[in-house]
N, C-alpha and C. Protein backbone atom coordinates (compact mmCIF):
# COMPACT_ATOMS: atom_id res chain seq x y z
N MET A 1 -5.33 18.93 -1.23
CA MET A 1 -6.19 19.41 -1.95
C MET A 1 -7.14 20.85 -1.99
N SER A 2 -7.42 21.56 -2.77
CA SER A 2 -8.07 22.20 -2.65
C SER A 2 -9.74 22.12 -2.60
N LYS A 3 -10.09 23.33 -1.42
CA LYS A 3 -11.23 23.25 -1.42
C LYS A 3 -11.89 24.09 -2.22
N LYS A 4 -11.44 24.93 -2.76
CA LYS A 4 -12.66 25.76 -3.97
C LYS A 4 -13.31 24.64 -5.27
N LYS A 5 -14.43 25.54 -5.60
CA LYS A 5 -14.75 24.22 -6.53
C LYS A 5 -14.55 25.00 -8.12
N LYS A 6 -14.34 23.75 -8.52
CA LYS A 6 -13.87 23.54 -10.28
C LYS A 6 -14.85 24.35 -10.69
N THR A 7 -14.05 25.12 -11.89
CA THR A 7 -14.48 25.63 -12.31
C THR A 7 -15.17 25.02 -13.95
N ASN A 8 -15.87 25.79 -14.78
CA ASN A 8 -16.04 25.40 -16.49
C ASN A 8 -15.30 23.92 -16.68
N LYS A 9 -14.24 24.96 -17.07
CA LYS A 9 -12.85 24.71 -17.90
C LYS A 9 -12.59 23.58 -17.02
N GLU A 10 -12.22 23.43 -15.65
CA GLU A 10 -11.14 22.13 -15.02
C GLU A 10 -11.49 21.35 -15.66
N LEU A 11 -13.59 21.81 -15.65
CA LEU A 11 -14.26 20.30 -15.63
C LEU A 11 -14.57 19.45 -17.50
N ARG A 12 -14.42 20.33 -17.42
CA ARG A 12 -14.35 20.49 -19.14
C ARG A 12 -12.87 19.36 -19.63
N ILE A 13 -12.28 19.83 -19.24
CA ILE A 13 -10.96 19.21 -19.20
C ILE A 13 -10.73 18.15 -18.25
N PHE A 14 -11.71 17.55 -17.37
CA PHE A 14 -11.83 16.52 -16.78
C PHE A 14 -12.36 15.57 -17.27
N SER A 15 -13.48 15.61 -18.66
CA SER A 15 -14.18 15.04 -18.94
C SER A 15 -13.90 15.12 -20.08
N LEU A 16 -13.10 15.76 -21.10
CA LEU A 16 -12.25 15.37 -22.09
C LEU A 16 -11.06 13.98 -21.74
N THR A 17 -10.45 14.21 -20.60
CA THR A 17 -9.39 13.12 -19.97
C THR A 17 -10.05 11.74 -20.00
N LEU A 18 -11.78 11.94 -19.25
CA LEU A 18 -11.96 10.40 -19.15
C LEU A 18 -12.76 10.28 -20.59
N THR A 19 -13.24 10.74 -21.44
CA THR A 19 -13.75 10.30 -22.16
C THR A 19 -12.49 9.69 -23.49
N VAL A 20 -11.74 10.27 -23.28
CA VAL A 20 -9.85 9.64 -24.07
C VAL A 20 -9.59 8.42 -23.24
N ALA A 21 -9.81 8.56 -22.14
CA ALA A 21 -9.41 7.35 -21.08
C ALA A 21 -10.65 6.25 -21.74
N PHE A 22 -11.45 6.40 -21.53
CA PHE A 22 -12.67 5.71 -21.63
C PHE A 22 -12.34 5.03 -23.15
N ALA A 23 -12.36 5.70 -23.81
CA ALA A 23 -12.15 5.54 -25.57
C ALA A 23 -11.37 4.44 -25.71
N VAL A 24 -9.71 4.82 -25.43
CA VAL A 24 -9.09 3.34 -25.67
C VAL A 24 -9.00 2.47 -24.79
N LEU A 25 -9.33 2.63 -23.37
CA LEU A 25 -10.20 1.16 -23.03
C LEU A 25 -10.79 0.68 -23.87
N GLY A 26 -12.10 0.97 -24.44
CA GLY A 26 -12.70 0.25 -25.18
C GLY A 26 -12.20 -0.57 -26.80
N LEU A 27 -11.32 0.25 -27.21
CA LEU A 27 -10.71 0.58 -28.17
C LEU A 27 -9.75 -0.99 -27.99
N ILE A 28 -9.15 -0.86 -26.40
CA ILE A 28 -8.16 -2.22 -26.58
C ILE A 28 -9.30 -3.57 -25.90
N PHE A 29 -10.33 -3.25 -25.62
CA PHE A 29 -10.70 -4.57 -25.37
C PHE A 29 -11.77 -4.63 -26.76
N VAL A 30 -12.26 -4.03 -28.13
CA VAL A 30 -12.26 -4.41 -29.36
C VAL A 30 -11.03 -5.29 -30.02
N TRP A 31 -10.13 -4.65 -29.61
CA TRP A 31 -8.61 -5.14 -30.44
C TRP A 31 -8.53 -6.81 -29.79
N ARG A 32 -8.97 -7.12 -28.50
CA ARG A 32 -8.81 -7.95 -28.07
C ARG A 32 -9.88 -9.37 -27.51
N ASP A 33 -10.50 -8.69 -28.20
CA ASP A 33 -12.18 -9.05 -28.45
C ASP A 33 -12.67 -9.40 -27.20
N PHE A 34 -12.59 -8.57 -26.48
CA PHE A 34 -13.02 -8.79 -24.76
C PHE A 34 -14.55 -8.40 -24.93
N THR A 35 -15.72 -8.62 -23.93
CA THR A 35 -17.23 -8.03 -24.36
C THR A 35 -17.51 -7.03 -23.57
N GLY A 36 -18.05 -6.20 -23.54
CA GLY A 36 -18.25 -5.20 -22.79
C GLY A 36 -17.79 -3.78 -23.82
N TRP A 37 -16.97 -3.71 -24.84
CA TRP A 37 -16.51 -2.97 -24.89
C TRP A 37 -17.76 -0.97 -25.52
N ILE A 38 -19.15 -2.40 -25.85
CA ILE A 38 -19.83 -0.74 -26.13
C ILE A 38 -20.07 -0.18 -24.53
N VAL A 39 -20.18 -0.72 -23.60
CA VAL A 39 -20.06 -0.15 -22.33
C VAL A 39 -19.18 1.13 -22.68
N LEU A 40 -17.90 0.94 -22.22
CA LEU A 40 -17.04 1.61 -22.11
C LEU A 40 -16.88 3.02 -23.20
N PHE A 41 -17.43 2.18 -24.51
CA PHE A 41 -17.90 3.43 -25.67
C PHE A 41 -18.85 4.43 -25.45
N CYS A 42 -20.17 3.64 -24.36
CA CYS A 42 -21.20 4.35 -24.40
C CYS A 42 -21.06 5.79 -22.90
N ILE A 43 -19.53 5.13 -22.08
CA ILE A 43 -19.56 5.69 -20.84
C ILE A 43 -18.65 7.04 -21.97
N SER A 44 -17.50 7.18 -22.31
CA SER A 44 -17.13 8.05 -23.07
C SER A 44 -17.98 8.74 -23.50
N GLY A 45 -18.78 8.76 -24.53
CA GLY A 45 -19.77 9.17 -24.99
C GLY A 45 -20.84 10.59 -24.11
N PHE A 46 -20.59 9.72 -22.81
CA PHE A 46 -21.72 10.30 -21.55
C PHE A 46 -20.62 11.49 -21.12
N PHE A 47 -19.29 10.90 -21.05
CA PHE A 47 -18.18 12.26 -20.31
C PHE A 47 -18.06 13.13 -21.46
N LEU A 48 -18.13 12.77 -22.80
CA LEU A 48 -17.36 13.90 -24.16
C LEU A 48 -19.30 14.72 -24.10
N LEU A 49 -20.59 14.23 -24.35
CA LEU A 49 -21.89 14.96 -24.38
C LEU A 49 -21.64 16.12 -22.72
N THR A 50 -21.71 15.11 -21.86
CA THR A 50 -21.66 16.00 -20.19
C THR A 50 -21.07 17.36 -20.55
N GLY A 51 -19.69 17.01 -20.68
CA GLY A 51 -18.93 18.03 -20.94
C GLY A 51 -18.64 18.89 -21.34
N LEU A 52 -19.29 18.69 -22.93
CA LEU A 52 -18.97 19.71 -23.50
C LEU A 52 -20.53 20.47 -23.73
N ALA A 53 -21.51 19.83 -22.96
CA ALA A 53 -22.84 20.78 -22.96
C ALA A 53 -23.12 20.84 -21.51
N LEU A 54 -23.01 20.09 -20.09
CA LEU A 54 -23.34 20.82 -18.96
C LEU A 54 -22.03 19.85 -18.01
N PRO A 55 -21.30 20.94 -17.80
CA PRO A 55 -19.56 20.23 -16.94
C PRO A 55 -20.03 20.19 -15.58
N ILE A 56 -21.33 21.04 -14.88
CA ILE A 56 -21.52 21.11 -13.58
C ILE A 56 -21.81 19.98 -13.19
N ILE A 57 -22.38 19.11 -13.68
CA ILE A 57 -23.05 17.60 -13.40
C ILE A 57 -21.76 16.80 -13.25
N LEU A 58 -20.86 17.39 -13.75
CA LEU A 58 -19.70 16.56 -13.25
C LEU A 58 -18.99 16.57 -12.32
N ARG A 59 -19.55 18.28 -11.66
CA ARG A 59 -18.56 17.49 -10.67
C ARG A 59 -18.37 16.98 -9.33
N PRO A 60 -19.77 16.37 -9.12
CA PRO A 60 -19.43 15.01 -7.67
C PRO A 60 -18.82 14.12 -7.76
N ILE A 61 -18.63 13.69 -9.61
CA ILE A 61 -17.91 12.64 -9.48
C ILE A 61 -15.97 12.69 -9.99
N GLU A 62 -16.28 14.15 -10.24
CA GLU A 62 -14.94 14.50 -9.98
C GLU A 62 -13.78 14.62 -9.45
N TRP A 63 -15.11 15.29 -7.78
CA TRP A 63 -15.17 15.75 -6.58
C TRP A 63 -14.38 13.61 -6.12
N LEU A 64 -15.05 12.77 -6.45
CA LEU A 64 -14.94 11.72 -6.18
C LEU A 64 -13.72 11.50 -6.30
N TRP A 65 -13.18 11.39 -7.52
CA TRP A 65 -12.52 10.69 -8.33
C TRP A 65 -11.31 11.64 -7.64
N MET A 66 -11.08 12.79 -7.23
CA MET A 66 -9.75 13.31 -6.70
C MET A 66 -9.85 13.02 -5.73
N LYS A 67 -10.48 12.58 -4.63
CA LYS A 67 -10.40 11.98 -3.85
C LYS A 67 -9.89 10.46 -3.36
N VAL A 68 -10.00 9.84 -4.34
CA VAL A 68 -10.20 8.55 -4.70
C VAL A 68 -8.18 8.33 -5.37
N ALA A 69 -8.56 9.24 -6.53
CA ALA A 69 -6.92 9.20 -6.90
C ALA A 69 -5.15 9.87 -5.80
N HIS A 70 -6.24 10.91 -4.86
CA HIS A 70 -5.16 11.63 -3.66
C HIS A 70 -5.56 9.51 -2.84
N ALA A 71 -6.64 8.98 -2.11
CA ALA A 71 -5.66 7.98 -1.36
C ALA A 71 -5.02 6.97 -2.23
N ILE A 72 -5.27 6.34 -3.43
CA ILE A 72 -4.70 6.12 -4.43
C ILE A 72 -3.03 6.30 -4.45
N GLY A 73 -2.48 7.12 -4.44
CA GLY A 73 -1.06 7.93 -4.44
C GLY A 73 -0.40 7.70 -3.31
N ILE A 74 -1.69 8.95 -2.10
CA ILE A 74 -0.76 8.15 -0.57
C ILE A 74 -0.33 7.21 -0.48
N VAL A 75 -1.70 5.62 -0.78
CA VAL A 75 -0.72 4.73 -0.94
C VAL A 75 0.41 4.10 -1.11
N MET A 76 0.20 4.53 -2.72
CA MET A 76 1.42 4.18 -3.83
C MET A 76 2.95 4.50 -3.61
N THR A 77 3.17 6.26 -2.45
CA THR A 77 4.25 6.24 -2.16
C THR A 77 4.82 5.67 -1.25
N TYR A 78 3.94 5.01 -0.24
CA TYR A 78 4.53 4.41 0.71
C TYR A 78 5.25 3.39 0.06
N VAL A 79 4.06 2.39 -0.34
CA VAL A 79 4.87 1.03 -1.19
C VAL A 79 6.22 1.38 -1.80
N LEU A 80 5.60 2.59 -2.87
CA LEU A 80 7.41 2.90 -4.06
C LEU A 80 8.68 2.93 -2.82
N LEU A 81 8.24 4.03 -1.91
CA LEU A 81 9.27 4.02 -1.06
C LEU A 81 10.16 3.03 0.10
N THR A 82 8.76 2.19 0.26
CA THR A 82 9.21 1.34 1.12
C THR A 82 9.93 0.19 0.10
N LEU A 83 9.99 0.06 -0.97
CA LEU A 83 10.16 -1.01 -1.97
C LEU A 83 11.82 -0.68 -2.45
N THR A 84 11.25 0.73 -2.76
CA THR A 84 13.36 1.67 -2.94
C THR A 84 14.01 1.51 -2.02
N TYR A 85 13.48 1.37 -0.28
CA TYR A 85 13.99 1.39 0.76
C TYR A 85 14.61 -0.77 0.67
N TYR A 86 14.01 -0.76 0.41
CA TYR A 86 14.28 -2.66 1.08
C TYR A 86 14.96 -3.54 -0.68
N ILE A 87 14.67 -2.56 -1.71
CA ILE A 87 15.44 -3.33 -2.62
C ILE A 87 16.48 -3.18 -2.91
N ILE A 88 17.03 -1.39 -2.77
CA ILE A 88 18.03 -0.49 -3.58
C ILE A 88 18.81 -0.32 -2.34
N ILE A 89 18.21 0.60 -0.81
CA ILE A 89 19.00 1.36 -0.57
C ILE A 89 19.92 0.17 0.84
N THR A 90 18.90 -1.05 0.87
CA THR A 90 19.20 -1.69 2.22
C THR A 90 20.36 -3.04 1.65
N PRO A 91 19.99 -3.41 0.44
CA PRO A 91 21.42 -3.88 -0.29
C PRO A 91 22.68 -3.82 -0.34
N ILE A 92 22.40 -2.36 -1.07
CA ILE A 92 23.48 -1.58 -0.99
C ILE A 92 24.41 -0.93 0.11
N GLY A 93 23.83 -0.85 1.10
CA GLY A 93 24.62 -0.64 2.62
C GLY A 93 24.82 -1.96 3.05
N LEU A 94 23.98 -2.98 2.62
CA LEU A 94 24.88 -4.09 3.65
C LEU A 94 26.15 -4.52 2.60
N LEU A 95 26.21 -4.28 1.11
CA LEU A 95 27.10 -4.88 0.44
C LEU A 95 28.11 -3.49 1.18
N MET A 96 28.03 -2.27 1.44
CA MET A 96 29.09 -1.45 1.90
C MET A 96 29.71 -1.84 3.40
N ARG A 97 29.14 -2.46 3.65
CA ARG A 97 29.15 -2.71 5.12
C ARG A 97 30.07 -4.53 5.16
N LEU A 98 29.75 -4.82 4.05
CA LEU A 98 30.31 -6.75 4.06
C LEU A 98 32.05 -6.43 3.39
N PHE A 99 32.18 -5.11 2.41
CA PHE A 99 33.10 -5.14 1.61
C PHE A 99 34.01 -3.65 2.84
N GLY A 100 33.67 -3.11 3.59
CA GLY A 100 33.80 -2.87 4.82
C GLY A 100 34.82 -0.74 4.12
N ARG A 101 33.28 -0.39 3.26
CA ARG A 101 33.61 1.10 2.63
C ARG A 101 32.47 1.96 3.82
N ASP A 102 32.86 3.03 3.74
CA ASP A 102 32.59 4.03 4.62
C ASP A 102 32.54 5.41 4.41
N PRO A 103 31.42 6.00 2.89
CA PRO A 103 32.18 7.07 2.47
C PRO A 103 32.10 8.26 3.66
N MET A 104 31.32 7.94 4.68
CA MET A 104 31.16 9.32 5.58
C MET A 104 32.59 9.59 6.54
N LYS A 105 33.13 7.53 6.35
CA LYS A 105 34.37 7.86 7.69
C LYS A 105 34.11 8.28 9.45
N ARG A 106 33.28 7.34 9.76
CA ARG A 106 33.28 6.73 11.01
C ARG A 106 32.98 6.33 11.64
N LYS A 107 34.52 5.64 10.93
CA LYS A 107 35.58 4.81 12.18
C LYS A 107 36.19 5.99 13.46
N PHE A 108 36.34 5.80 14.57
CA PHE A 108 36.91 6.20 15.43
C PHE A 108 38.59 6.36 14.80
N ASP A 109 39.40 6.69 14.86
CA ASP A 109 40.70 6.53 15.12
C ASP A 109 41.28 7.63 15.87
N LYS A 110 42.17 6.62 16.82
CA LYS A 110 42.55 6.93 18.11
C LYS A 110 44.21 7.61 17.73
N TYR A 111 44.62 7.43 16.80
CA TYR A 111 45.86 8.08 16.22
C TYR A 111 45.57 8.86 15.44
N ALA A 112 44.48 9.66 15.35
CA ALA A 112 44.05 10.66 14.41
C ALA A 112 44.40 11.69 15.87
N GLY A 113 44.74 12.75 14.82
CA GLY A 113 45.03 14.00 15.81
C GLY A 113 44.01 15.01 16.35
N SER A 114 43.26 14.51 14.38
CA SER A 114 41.64 15.77 14.52
C SER A 114 41.10 15.26 13.48
N TYR A 115 39.76 15.50 13.47
CA TYR A 115 39.07 15.05 12.30
C TYR A 115 38.57 15.92 11.43
N TRP A 116 38.80 17.59 11.73
CA TRP A 116 38.72 18.10 10.65
C TRP A 116 39.61 18.10 8.98
N SER A 117 38.32 17.80 8.32
CA SER A 117 38.76 17.73 6.63
C SER A 117 38.98 19.53 6.05
N ASP A 118 39.51 19.91 5.21
CA ASP A 118 39.71 21.01 4.31
C ASP A 118 39.19 20.76 3.92
N VAL A 119 38.61 22.50 3.71
CA VAL A 119 37.32 22.22 2.58
C VAL A 119 38.14 23.14 1.57
N ASP A 120 37.69 22.43 0.33
CA ASP A 120 38.42 23.66 -0.96
C ASP A 120 38.44 24.90 -1.17
N PRO A 121 38.96 25.47 -1.18
CA PRO A 121 38.74 27.54 -1.19
C PRO A 121 37.83 27.76 -2.37
N GLU A 122 38.27 26.54 -3.53
CA GLU A 122 37.56 27.57 -4.79
C GLU A 122 36.08 26.61 -4.92
N GLY A 123 35.51 25.49 -3.58
CA GLY A 123 34.38 25.29 -3.28
C GLY A 123 32.86 26.32 -3.21
N PRO A 124 31.78 26.04 -2.75
CA PRO A 124 30.64 27.19 -3.26
C PRO A 124 30.60 28.60 -2.20
N THR A 125 31.61 27.69 -1.15
CA THR A 125 31.79 29.29 -0.06
C THR A 125 31.90 30.33 -0.90
N SER A 126 33.43 30.21 -1.68
CA SER A 126 33.63 31.39 -2.45
C SER A 126 33.41 32.25 -3.35
N ARG A 127 31.68 31.59 -3.78
CA ARG A 127 31.00 32.59 -4.40
C ARG A 127 29.13 32.11 -4.42
N PRO A 128 29.31 32.52 -3.32
CA PRO A 128 27.94 32.51 -3.06
C PRO A 128 27.27 33.08 -4.15
N GLU A 129 27.44 33.63 -4.87
CA GLU A 129 26.03 33.70 -6.30
C GLU A 129 26.22 32.74 -6.65
N LYS A 130 26.61 31.77 -6.79
CA LYS A 130 26.35 30.21 -7.58
C LYS A 130 27.16 29.27 -6.18
N PRO A 131 25.69 29.42 -5.59
CA PRO A 131 25.63 28.15 -4.52
C PRO A 131 25.66 27.15 -5.51
N TYR A 132 25.77 26.14 -6.47
CA TYR A 132 25.99 24.94 -6.75
C TYR A 132 27.39 24.95 -7.60
């Protein structure tokens, strides 16, 4: 995360983002007939007015918001990577072992003269200007 102070333009963008977010949340509360929608609209109005008039007041709120968002991002990254590994990668590996599939050809073959595999002469090494 950056250590430099946010400019007024960046704080206004943050303000407008939160204005829209709280307004949408307030509309959802109105639509679902939940109480507390007026508080959400007041918070939305606060961010709108503060962002337009004195965005510098929002600097500590933005700093805290970004710290929380960074922490959530780190946690969710580990959660999503762990879930992906155990829900997708591990079952695929187990199925491949179950059916005897070995795409990397790692099994030892005592009758093989060499494990060298020829490379396609028209592959990426023949045209370094287009590596992909």
